[in-house]
């Protein structure tokens, strides 16, 4: 099993951030070997975490070539 954790500060994000986040999540859950996701907020409320799990490194790497992930990353870079 392999995981990838995404950590961010909770606040009000604009619609574009939320759209990009949704694209990446959709890509993650649709990749071969996806096992699940766990989300939490720190006790002090200063950090959010979403940890995604896949069966193998190869399955995790498939996310980086998924069209939705590429689109989101390209838009983020803009």
N, C-alpha and C. Protein backbone atom coordinates (compact mmCIF):
# COMPACT_ATOMS: atom_id res chain seq x y z
N UNK A 1 0.85 -1.18 0.00
CA UNK A 1 0.00 0.00 0.00
C UNK A 1 0.90 1.24 0.00
N UNK A 2 0.43 2.28 -0.71
CA UNK A 2 1.15 3.56 -0.78
C UNK A 2 0.13 4.68 -0.55
N UNK A 3 0.59 5.77 0.02
CA UNK A 3 -0.33 6.88 0.28
C UNK A 3 0.27 8.20 -0.20
N UNK A 4 -0.61 9.16 -0.36
CA UNK A 4 -0.21 10.54 -0.66
C UNK A 4 -1.07 11.44 0.21
N UNK A 5 -0.43 12.33 0.94
CA UNK A 5 -1.15 13.23 1.84
C UNK A 5 -1.13 14.64 1.29
N UNK A 6 -2.27 15.30 1.35
CA UNK A 6 -2.41 16.68 0.93
C UNK A 6 -2.83 17.48 2.16
N UNK A 7 -2.01 18.46 2.53
CA UNK A 7 -2.23 19.23 3.76
C UNK A 7 -2.41 20.69 3.38
N UNK A 8 -3.42 21.33 3.95
CA UNK A 8 -3.68 22.74 3.67
C UNK A 8 -4.31 23.41 4.87
N UNK A 9 -4.24 24.72 4.88
CA UNK A 9 -4.83 25.51 5.95
C UNK A 9 -6.31 25.76 5.65
N UNK A 10 -7.17 25.50 6.62
CA UNK A 10 -8.59 25.76 6.38
C UNK A 10 -8.86 27.25 6.30
N UNK A 11 -9.61 27.63 5.32
CA UNK A 11 -10.07 29.00 5.13
C UNK A 11 -11.10 28.98 4.02
N UNK A 12 -11.61 30.10 3.68
CA UNK A 12 -12.57 30.16 2.58
C UNK A 12 -11.78 30.29 1.29
N UNK A 13 -11.91 29.29 0.44
CA UNK A 13 -11.21 29.29 -0.84
C UNK A 13 -12.18 29.70 -1.94
N UNK A 14 -11.63 30.23 -3.03
CA UNK A 14 -12.49 30.65 -4.13
C UNK A 14 -13.00 29.43 -4.90
N UNK A 15 -13.93 29.70 -5.80
CA UNK A 15 -14.56 28.62 -6.56
C UNK A 15 -13.55 27.85 -7.40
N UNK A 16 -12.55 28.55 -7.94
CA UNK A 16 -11.56 27.87 -8.78
C UNK A 16 -10.75 26.86 -7.97
N UNK A 17 -10.35 27.21 -6.75
CA UNK A 17 -9.63 26.27 -5.89
C UNK A 17 -10.49 25.03 -5.66
N UNK A 18 -11.75 25.25 -5.31
CA UNK A 18 -12.64 24.13 -5.03
C UNK A 18 -12.85 23.26 -6.27
N UNK A 19 -12.90 23.89 -7.44
CA UNK A 19 -13.05 23.13 -8.69
C UNK A 19 -11.81 22.29 -8.95
N UNK A 20 -10.62 22.88 -8.77
CA UNK A 20 -9.38 22.13 -8.97
C UNK A 20 -9.27 20.98 -7.98
N UNK A 21 -9.64 21.23 -6.75
CA UNK A 21 -9.61 20.19 -5.72
C UNK A 21 -10.54 19.03 -6.10
N UNK A 22 -11.72 19.37 -6.61
CA UNK A 22 -12.68 18.34 -7.03
C UNK A 22 -12.15 17.53 -8.21
N UNK A 23 -11.46 18.19 -9.14
CA UNK A 23 -10.88 17.47 -10.28
C UNK A 23 -9.83 16.47 -9.82
N UNK A 24 -8.97 16.90 -8.91
CA UNK A 24 -7.93 16.01 -8.42
C UNK A 24 -8.54 14.83 -7.65
N UNK A 25 -9.54 15.10 -6.83
CA UNK A 25 -10.18 14.01 -6.09
C UNK A 25 -10.86 13.03 -7.05
N UNK A 26 -11.55 13.54 -8.07
CA UNK A 26 -12.20 12.66 -9.04
C UNK A 26 -11.16 11.79 -9.76
N UNK A 27 -10.03 12.38 -10.09
CA UNK A 27 -8.96 11.62 -10.74
C UNK A 27 -8.43 10.55 -9.79
N UNK A 28 -8.21 10.91 -8.55
CA UNK A 28 -7.66 9.95 -7.58
C UNK A 28 -8.56 8.74 -7.41
N UNK A 29 -9.84 8.98 -7.18
CA UNK A 29 -10.75 7.86 -6.89
C UNK A 29 -11.02 7.00 -8.12
N UNK A 30 -10.75 7.52 -9.32
CA UNK A 30 -11.01 6.74 -10.53
C UNK A 30 -9.78 5.97 -11.01
N UNK A 31 -8.62 6.16 -10.37
CA UNK A 31 -7.43 5.44 -10.82
C UNK A 31 -7.46 3.99 -10.36
N UNK A 32 -6.88 3.15 -11.18
CA UNK A 32 -6.77 1.73 -10.86
C UNK A 32 -6.02 1.57 -9.55
N UNK A 33 -6.51 0.72 -8.67
CA UNK A 33 -5.82 0.44 -7.43
C UNK A 33 -6.12 1.40 -6.29
N UNK A 34 -7.04 2.35 -6.52
CA UNK A 34 -7.40 3.29 -5.44
C UNK A 34 -8.11 2.51 -4.35
N UNK A 35 -7.69 2.73 -3.09
CA UNK A 35 -8.27 2.01 -1.96
C UNK A 35 -9.16 2.86 -1.07
N UNK A 36 -8.90 4.16 -1.01
CA UNK A 36 -9.73 5.00 -0.15
C UNK A 36 -9.03 6.28 0.23
N UNK A 37 -9.74 7.08 1.01
CA UNK A 37 -9.22 8.36 1.46
C UNK A 37 -9.67 8.60 2.89
N UNK A 38 -8.81 9.20 3.68
CA UNK A 38 -9.16 9.62 5.04
C UNK A 38 -8.88 11.10 5.15
N UNK A 39 -9.85 11.85 5.71
CA UNK A 39 -9.70 13.29 5.86
C UNK A 39 -9.86 13.66 7.32
N UNK A 40 -9.10 14.65 7.74
CA UNK A 40 -9.22 15.12 9.12
C UNK A 40 -8.72 16.55 9.24
N UNK A 41 -9.11 17.17 10.33
CA UNK A 41 -8.65 18.51 10.69
C UNK A 41 -7.93 18.40 12.03
N UNK A 42 -6.82 19.10 12.16
CA UNK A 42 -6.05 19.04 13.41
C UNK A 42 -6.91 19.55 14.57
N UNK A 43 -6.54 19.15 15.78
CA UNK A 43 -7.29 19.54 16.96
C UNK A 43 -7.39 21.05 17.12
N UNK A 44 -6.33 21.76 16.74
CA UNK A 44 -6.35 23.22 16.87
C UNK A 44 -7.07 23.90 15.68
N UNK A 45 -7.49 23.10 14.70
CA UNK A 45 -8.22 23.63 13.55
C UNK A 45 -7.37 24.36 12.54
N UNK A 46 -6.04 24.25 12.64
CA UNK A 46 -5.15 25.01 11.76
C UNK A 46 -4.68 24.23 10.53
N UNK A 47 -4.98 22.95 10.43
CA UNK A 47 -4.55 22.14 9.29
C UNK A 47 -5.63 21.13 8.92
N UNK A 48 -5.83 20.98 7.61
CA UNK A 48 -6.65 19.91 7.07
C UNK A 48 -5.72 18.91 6.41
N UNK A 49 -6.12 17.66 6.38
CA UNK A 49 -5.33 16.62 5.75
C UNK A 49 -6.27 15.68 5.02
N UNK A 50 -5.91 15.35 3.78
CA UNK A 50 -6.60 14.29 3.03
C UNK A 50 -5.52 13.32 2.60
N UNK A 51 -5.60 12.09 3.09
CA UNK A 51 -4.62 11.07 2.75
C UNK A 51 -5.31 10.03 1.87
N UNK A 52 -4.78 9.86 0.65
CA UNK A 52 -5.31 8.93 -0.33
C UNK A 52 -4.44 7.68 -0.34
N UNK A 53 -5.07 6.51 -0.56
CA UNK A 53 -4.37 5.23 -0.53
C UNK A 53 -4.56 4.46 -1.83
N UNK A 54 -3.46 3.84 -2.30
CA UNK A 54 -3.50 2.97 -3.48
C UNK A 54 -2.82 1.65 -3.16
N UNK A 55 -3.08 0.68 -4.01
CA UNK A 55 -2.50 -0.65 -3.81
C UNK A 55 -0.98 -0.67 -3.98
N UNK A 56 -0.46 0.18 -4.87
CA UNK A 56 0.98 0.11 -5.17
C UNK A 56 1.49 1.48 -5.63
N UNK A 57 2.80 1.58 -5.71
CA UNK A 57 3.43 2.80 -6.22
C UNK A 57 2.99 3.05 -7.66
N UNK A 58 2.91 2.00 -8.45
CA UNK A 58 2.51 2.14 -9.84
C UNK A 58 1.09 2.71 -9.95
N UNK A 59 0.19 2.25 -9.09
CA UNK A 59 -1.18 2.76 -9.10
C UNK A 59 -1.20 4.23 -8.68
N UNK A 60 -0.41 4.59 -7.71
CA UNK A 60 -0.32 5.99 -7.27
C UNK A 60 0.23 6.86 -8.38
N UNK A 61 1.23 6.37 -9.09
CA UNK A 61 1.82 7.13 -10.19
C UNK A 61 0.82 7.36 -11.31
N UNK A 62 -0.14 6.47 -11.45
CA UNK A 62 -1.15 6.63 -12.50
C UNK A 62 -1.94 7.93 -12.30
N UNK A 63 -2.06 8.39 -11.07
CA UNK A 63 -2.77 9.65 -10.82
C UNK A 63 -2.09 10.81 -11.53
N UNK A 64 -0.78 10.82 -11.54
CA UNK A 64 -0.06 11.95 -12.12
C UNK A 64 -0.22 12.04 -13.64
N UNK A 65 -0.64 10.95 -14.28
CA UNK A 65 -0.87 10.98 -15.72
C UNK A 65 -2.35 11.00 -16.08
N UNK A 66 -3.20 11.04 -15.07
CA UNK A 66 -4.64 11.07 -15.31
C UNK A 66 -5.01 12.43 -15.93
N UNK A 67 -5.83 12.47 -16.99
CA UNK A 67 -6.17 13.74 -17.64
C UNK A 67 -6.75 14.80 -16.70
N UNK A 68 -7.57 14.41 -15.73
CA UNK A 68 -8.14 15.40 -14.80
C UNK A 68 -7.06 15.98 -13.89
N UNK A 69 -6.12 15.15 -13.48
CA UNK A 69 -5.04 15.64 -12.63
C UNK A 69 -4.14 16.59 -13.43
N UNK A 70 -3.84 16.23 -14.65
CA UNK A 70 -3.01 17.10 -15.50
C UNK A 70 -3.71 18.44 -15.71
N UNK A 71 -5.00 18.42 -15.99
CA UNK A 71 -5.76 19.66 -16.18
C UNK A 71 -5.71 20.53 -14.93
N UNK A 72 -5.93 19.92 -13.79
CA UNK A 72 -5.92 20.67 -12.53
C UNK A 72 -4.55 21.26 -12.26
N UNK A 73 -3.50 20.49 -12.45
CA UNK A 73 -2.15 20.98 -12.22
C UNK A 73 -1.80 22.12 -13.19
N UNK A 74 -2.23 21.99 -14.44
CA UNK A 74 -1.97 23.05 -15.41
C UNK A 74 -2.67 24.33 -15.01
N UNK A 75 -3.91 24.22 -14.58
CA UNK A 75 -4.67 25.40 -14.15
C UNK A 75 -4.07 26.00 -12.89
N UNK A 76 -3.60 25.16 -11.99
CA UNK A 76 -2.98 25.64 -10.76
C UNK A 76 -1.73 26.44 -11.08
N UNK A 77 -0.95 25.96 -12.04
CA UNK A 77 0.29 26.62 -12.42
C UNK A 77 0.03 27.99 -13.05
N UNK A 78 -1.15 28.16 -13.67
CA UNK A 78 -1.50 29.44 -14.28
C UNK A 78 -1.71 30.50 -13.23
